[in-house]
Amino acid sequence: VWEFNAWNRAYNVSVKFHERADRWKWVKSGILLNMEGIRRMPYNWKLYKHLAFMFMHKCADYQKETKEEFGRGEDDNFTLARRCYKKAIRLYKEKVLKRNPDASLNLYMHRAVIHTYEKQGDFRKALELYDAHLEKYPFDTVARQNRDRFLREKEQYQELVKQAVQAFKKKDYERVIEIYEDTIKGKPYLMPVECIEAVLNSYRRTEHFESGIRFIHRVMGMK
């Protein structure tokens, strides 16, 4: 019941509104309802898993609001998701695996923890955890596929960032904007400061003021 209605509020009801503030109100309502379910059933691992998913997936579109409302200091939505996934894993081990050692390991949650580091752009930590996970669970073919995909995307992303910075140094501002809007913009990784400065100054120097303002808002949401 708690999971179903939390999902309905955060996903199904929120998208019925056009204004961002109205949508966030319902996303927040769904998160709070999920938290109330946890308060009433603090040992329910499924509710922690569901809350983690909402923080990681839905709140990726509301990073600034999530940090202001639910973050502790500098915690972003991915840090909040990771904390909930880890709690769900601990409860799953205690409530499921101890009672039934033959039960599934539910490796999805383990992979999700690694994915939160990917989303934050912590490449070193993500790769370290992928290797440790595969050493412990070599049969997890999904994790192996995720690791391979992660390495490809990491290399591609870093090359695009390098191209954008080089284009800025050559004063090819339109090229910087093209690289950002066509490829970097939709990536889940945090942009290095040098690339952020290149994109912002390229918007400014080509007089794309509205796009520059939206870019600043996006960066503020990530930070």
Protein backbone atom coordinates (compact mmCIF):
# COMPACT_ATOMS: atom_id res chain seq x y z
CA VAL A 1 0.00 0.00 0.00
CA TRP A 2 2.73 2.48 0.97
CA GLU A 3 4.85 1.71 -2.06
CA PHE A 4 1.88 1.76 -4.45
CA ASN A 5 0.59 5.13 -3.31
CA ALA A 6 4.04 6.68 -3.01
CA TRP A 7 4.67 5.69 -6.61
CA ASN A 8 1.30 7.04 -7.72
CA ARG A 9 1.96 10.45 -6.17
CA ALA A 10 5.57 10.82 -7.32
CA TYR A 11 5.06 9.48 -10.84
CA ASN A 12 1.44 9.29 -12.00
CA VAL A 13 -0.02 12.36 -10.29
CA SER A 14 3.01 14.65 -10.63
CA VAL A 15 3.08 14.45 -14.43
CA LYS A 16 -0.49 15.76 -14.64
CA PHE A 17 0.80 19.24 -13.77
CA HIS A 18 2.67 21.64 -16.05
CA GLU A 19 4.49 23.83 -13.55
CA ARG A 20 7.69 22.46 -12.07
CA ALA A 21 6.75 23.59 -8.54
CA ASP A 22 3.45 21.70 -8.75
CA ARG A 23 5.15 18.57 -10.03
CA TRP A 24 7.74 18.70 -7.28
CA LYS A 25 4.99 19.05 -4.68
CA TRP A 26 3.65 15.63 -5.67
CA VAL A 27 7.08 14.05 -6.03
CA LYS A 28 7.88 15.27 -2.52
CA SER A 29 4.51 13.97 -1.30
CA GLY A 30 5.31 10.52 -2.66
CA ILE A 31 8.71 10.50 -0.97
CA LEU A 32 7.21 11.58 2.35
CA LEU A 33 4.54 8.89 2.10
CA ASN A 34 7.22 6.27 1.47
CA MET A 35 9.10 7.59 4.51
CA GLU A 36 5.95 7.34 6.62
CA GLY A 37 5.65 3.71 5.57
CA ILE A 38 9.23 3.14 6.74
CA ARG A 39 8.47 4.87 10.04
CA ARG A 40 5.60 2.44 10.61
CA MET A 41 7.51 -0.59 9.29
CA PRO A 42 11.19 0.18 9.91
CA TYR A 43 12.34 -3.35 9.02
CA ASN A 44 10.67 -3.49 5.61
CA TRP A 45 13.55 -3.70 3.12
CA LYS A 46 11.24 -3.25 0.12
CA LEU A 47 10.21 0.24 1.25
CA TYR A 48 13.85 1.27 1.56
CA LYS A 49 14.53 -0.12 -1.90
CA HIS A 50 11.59 1.78 -3.34
CA LEU A 51 12.60 5.03 -1.65
CA ALA A 52 16.13 4.58 -2.99
CA PHE A 53 14.80 4.12 -6.51
CA MET A 54 12.71 7.30 -6.31
CA PHE A 55 15.68 9.29 -5.05
CA MET A 56 17.89 7.95 -7.82
CA HIS A 57 15.44 7.99 -10.71
CA LYS A 58 12.68 10.54 -10.17
CA CYS A 59 14.72 13.02 -8.16
CA ALA A 60 17.41 13.17 -10.84
CA ASP A 61 15.07 15.73 -12.42
CA TYR A 62 14.74 17.65 -9.14
CA GLN A 63 18.27 17.62 -7.77
CA LYS A 64 18.22 21.13 -6.32
CA GLU A 65 14.85 20.64 -4.62
CA THR A 66 15.85 17.22 -3.28
CA LYS A 67 19.07 18.53 -1.77
CA GLU A 68 17.28 21.45 -0.12
CA GLU A 69 14.44 19.32 1.25
CA PHE A 70 16.05 16.01 2.12
CA GLY A 71 19.83 16.42 1.85
CA ARG A 72 22.13 16.59 4.83
CA GLY A 73 24.68 19.27 4.10
CA GLU A 74 26.06 18.40 0.67
CA ASP A 75 24.09 15.18 0.16
CA ASP A 76 22.54 14.99 -3.30
CA ASN A 77 19.80 12.66 -4.51
CA PHE A 78 22.29 9.95 -5.48
CA THR A 79 23.89 9.97 -2.03
CA LEU A 80 20.42 9.68 -0.49
CA ALA A 81 19.61 6.80 -2.84
CA ARG A 82 22.85 5.03 -1.97
CA ARG A 83 22.15 5.32 1.75
CA CYS A 84 18.69 3.79 1.29
CA TYR A 85 19.95 0.98 -0.94
CA LYS A 86 22.59 0.06 1.65
CA LYS A 87 19.94 -0.01 4.35
CA ALA A 88 17.73 -2.20 2.16
CA ILE A 89 20.65 -4.59 1.58
CA ARG A 90 21.32 -4.90 5.32
CA LEU A 91 17.66 -5.58 6.07
CA TYR A 92 17.39 -8.07 3.21
CA LYS A 93 20.32 -10.03 4.59
CA GLU A 94 18.82 -10.01 8.08
CA LYS A 95 15.19 -10.68 7.20
CA VAL A 96 15.48 -12.88 4.11
CA LEU A 97 18.88 -14.52 3.69
CA LYS A 98 19.33 -15.50 7.34
CA ARG A 99 15.98 -17.27 7.30
CA ASN A 100 16.40 -18.73 3.85
CA PRO A 101 20.04 -19.07 2.72
CA ASP A 102 18.84 -20.37 -0.66
CA ALA A 103 16.95 -17.15 -1.44
CA SER A 104 18.07 -14.95 -4.29
CA LEU A 105 20.87 -12.53 -3.41
CA ASN A 106 18.94 -9.63 -4.96
CA LEU A 107 22.08 -8.35 -6.65
CA TYR A 108 20.09 -5.54 -8.25
CA MET A 109 20.52 -3.47 -5.08
CA HIS A 110 24.27 -4.11 -4.99
CA ARG A 111 24.57 -2.95 -8.60
CA ALA A 112 22.40 0.08 -7.85
CA VAL A 113 24.83 1.24 -5.14
CA ILE A 114 27.64 1.20 -7.71
CA HIS A 115 25.44 3.04 -10.19
CA THR A 116 24.98 5.94 -7.76
CA TYR A 117 28.73 6.58 -7.96
CA GLU A 118 28.52 6.49 -11.76
CA LYS A 119 25.77 9.09 -11.66
CA GLN A 120 27.90 11.33 -9.45
CA GLY A 121 30.86 11.06 -11.82
CA ASP A 122 33.08 9.25 -9.32
CA PHE A 123 34.68 7.02 -11.95
CA ARG A 124 37.44 5.70 -9.68
CA LYS A 125 35.04 4.56 -6.96
CA ALA A 126 32.59 3.04 -9.44
CA LEU A 127 35.29 0.98 -11.16
CA GLU A 128 36.72 -0.09 -7.80
CA LEU A 129 33.30 -1.32 -6.67
CA TYR A 130 32.57 -3.07 -9.98
CA ASP A 131 35.83 -5.02 -9.69
CA ALA A 132 35.19 -5.92 -6.04
CA HIS A 133 31.62 -6.97 -6.83
CA LEU A 134 32.65 -9.19 -9.73
CA GLU A 135 35.37 -10.79 -7.66
CA LYS A 136 32.74 -11.71 -5.07
CA TYR A 137 29.96 -12.53 -7.55
CA PRO A 138 31.68 -13.62 -10.80
CA PHE A 139 28.41 -15.13 -12.05
CA ASP A 140 26.68 -11.71 -12.12
CA THR A 141 26.66 -11.23 -15.88
CA VAL A 142 24.53 -8.09 -15.61
CA ALA A 143 27.19 -6.41 -13.47
CA ARG A 144 29.87 -7.43 -15.97
CA GLN A 145 27.84 -5.94 -18.82
CA ASN A 146 27.25 -2.78 -16.75
CA ARG A 147 30.98 -2.48 -16.08
CA ASP A 148 31.82 -2.78 -19.77
CA ARG A 149 29.17 -0.21 -20.66
CA PHE A 150 30.41 2.10 -17.91
CA LEU A 151 33.99 1.99 -19.21
CA ARG A 152 32.86 2.77 -22.76
CA GLU A 153 30.72 5.69 -21.65
CA LYS A 154 33.44 6.99 -19.35
CA GLU A 155 36.00 7.06 -22.15
CA GLN A 156 33.54 8.64 -24.60
CA TYR A 157 32.47 11.25 -22.08
CA GLN A 158 35.99 12.23 -21.13
CA GLU A 159 36.92 12.57 -24.80
CA LEU A 160 33.93 14.86 -25.41
CA VAL A 161 34.85 17.01 -22.41
CA LYS A 162 38.40 17.27 -23.76
CA GLN A 163 37.11 18.31 -27.19
CA ALA A 164 34.87 20.99 -25.67
CA VAL A 165 37.72 22.50 -23.65
CA GLN A 166 40.04 22.45 -26.67
CA ALA A 167 37.39 24.10 -28.86
CA PHE A 168 37.00 26.86 -26.27
CA LYS A 169 40.74 27.50 -26.22
CA LYS A 170 40.58 27.87 -30.02
CA LYS A 171 37.68 30.34 -29.55
CA ASP A 172 35.34 28.04 -31.47
CA TYR A 173 32.43 28.83 -29.15
CA GLU A 174 29.72 27.46 -31.42
CA ARG A 175 31.52 24.11 -31.45
CA VAL A 176 31.65 24.07 -27.64
CA ILE A 177 27.89 24.63 -27.49
CA GLU A 178 27.31 21.99 -30.16
CA ILE A 179 29.33 19.38 -28.25
CA TYR A 180 27.55 20.18 -25.00
CA GLU A 181 24.00 20.25 -26.35
CA ASP A 182 24.35 17.25 -28.66
CA THR A 183 26.32 14.89 -26.46
CA ILE A 184 27.43 15.99 -22.99
CA LYS A 185 24.12 17.47 -21.83
CA GLY A 186 22.31 14.19 -21.40
CA LYS A 187 25.16 12.35 -19.73
CA PRO A 188 24.78 11.37 -16.08
CA TYR A 189 28.26 12.44 -15.01
CA LEU A 190 29.30 15.68 -13.34
CA MET A 191 31.17 18.03 -15.61
CA PRO A 192 34.70 19.10 -14.63
CA VAL A 193 35.02 22.75 -13.65
CA GLU A 194 37.12 23.52 -16.73
CA CYS A 195 34.35 22.23 -19.00
CA ILE A 196 31.64 24.08 -17.06
CA GLU A 197 33.56 27.33 -17.54
CA ALA A 198 34.05 26.60 -21.24
CA VAL A 199 30.34 26.01 -21.85
CA LEU A 200 29.18 28.97 -19.77
CA ASN A 201 31.61 31.40 -21.41
CA SER A 202 30.73 30.07 -24.85
CA TYR A 203 27.05 30.79 -24.21
CA ARG A 204 27.98 34.26 -22.99
CA ARG A 205 30.24 35.06 -25.94
CA THR A 206 27.71 33.89 -28.51
CA GLU A 207 24.96 35.82 -26.73
CA HIS A 208 22.80 32.76 -26.09
CA PHE A 209 21.72 34.31 -22.81
CA GLU A 210 18.62 32.19 -22.19
CA SER A 211 20.53 28.97 -22.80
CA GLY A 212 23.31 30.20 -20.53
CA ILE A 213 20.86 30.88 -17.72
CA ARG A 214 19.35 27.40 -18.08
CA PHE A 215 22.84 25.94 -18.04
CA ILE A 216 23.70 27.74 -14.81
CA HIS A 217 20.49 26.42 -13.22
CA ARG A 218 21.41 22.90 -14.30
CA VAL A 219 24.91 23.22 -12.84
CA MET A 220 23.50 24.60 -9.59
CA GLY A 221 21.16 21.62 -9.44
CA MET A 222 24.07 19.21 -9.89
CA LYS A 223 26.19 20.91 -7.27
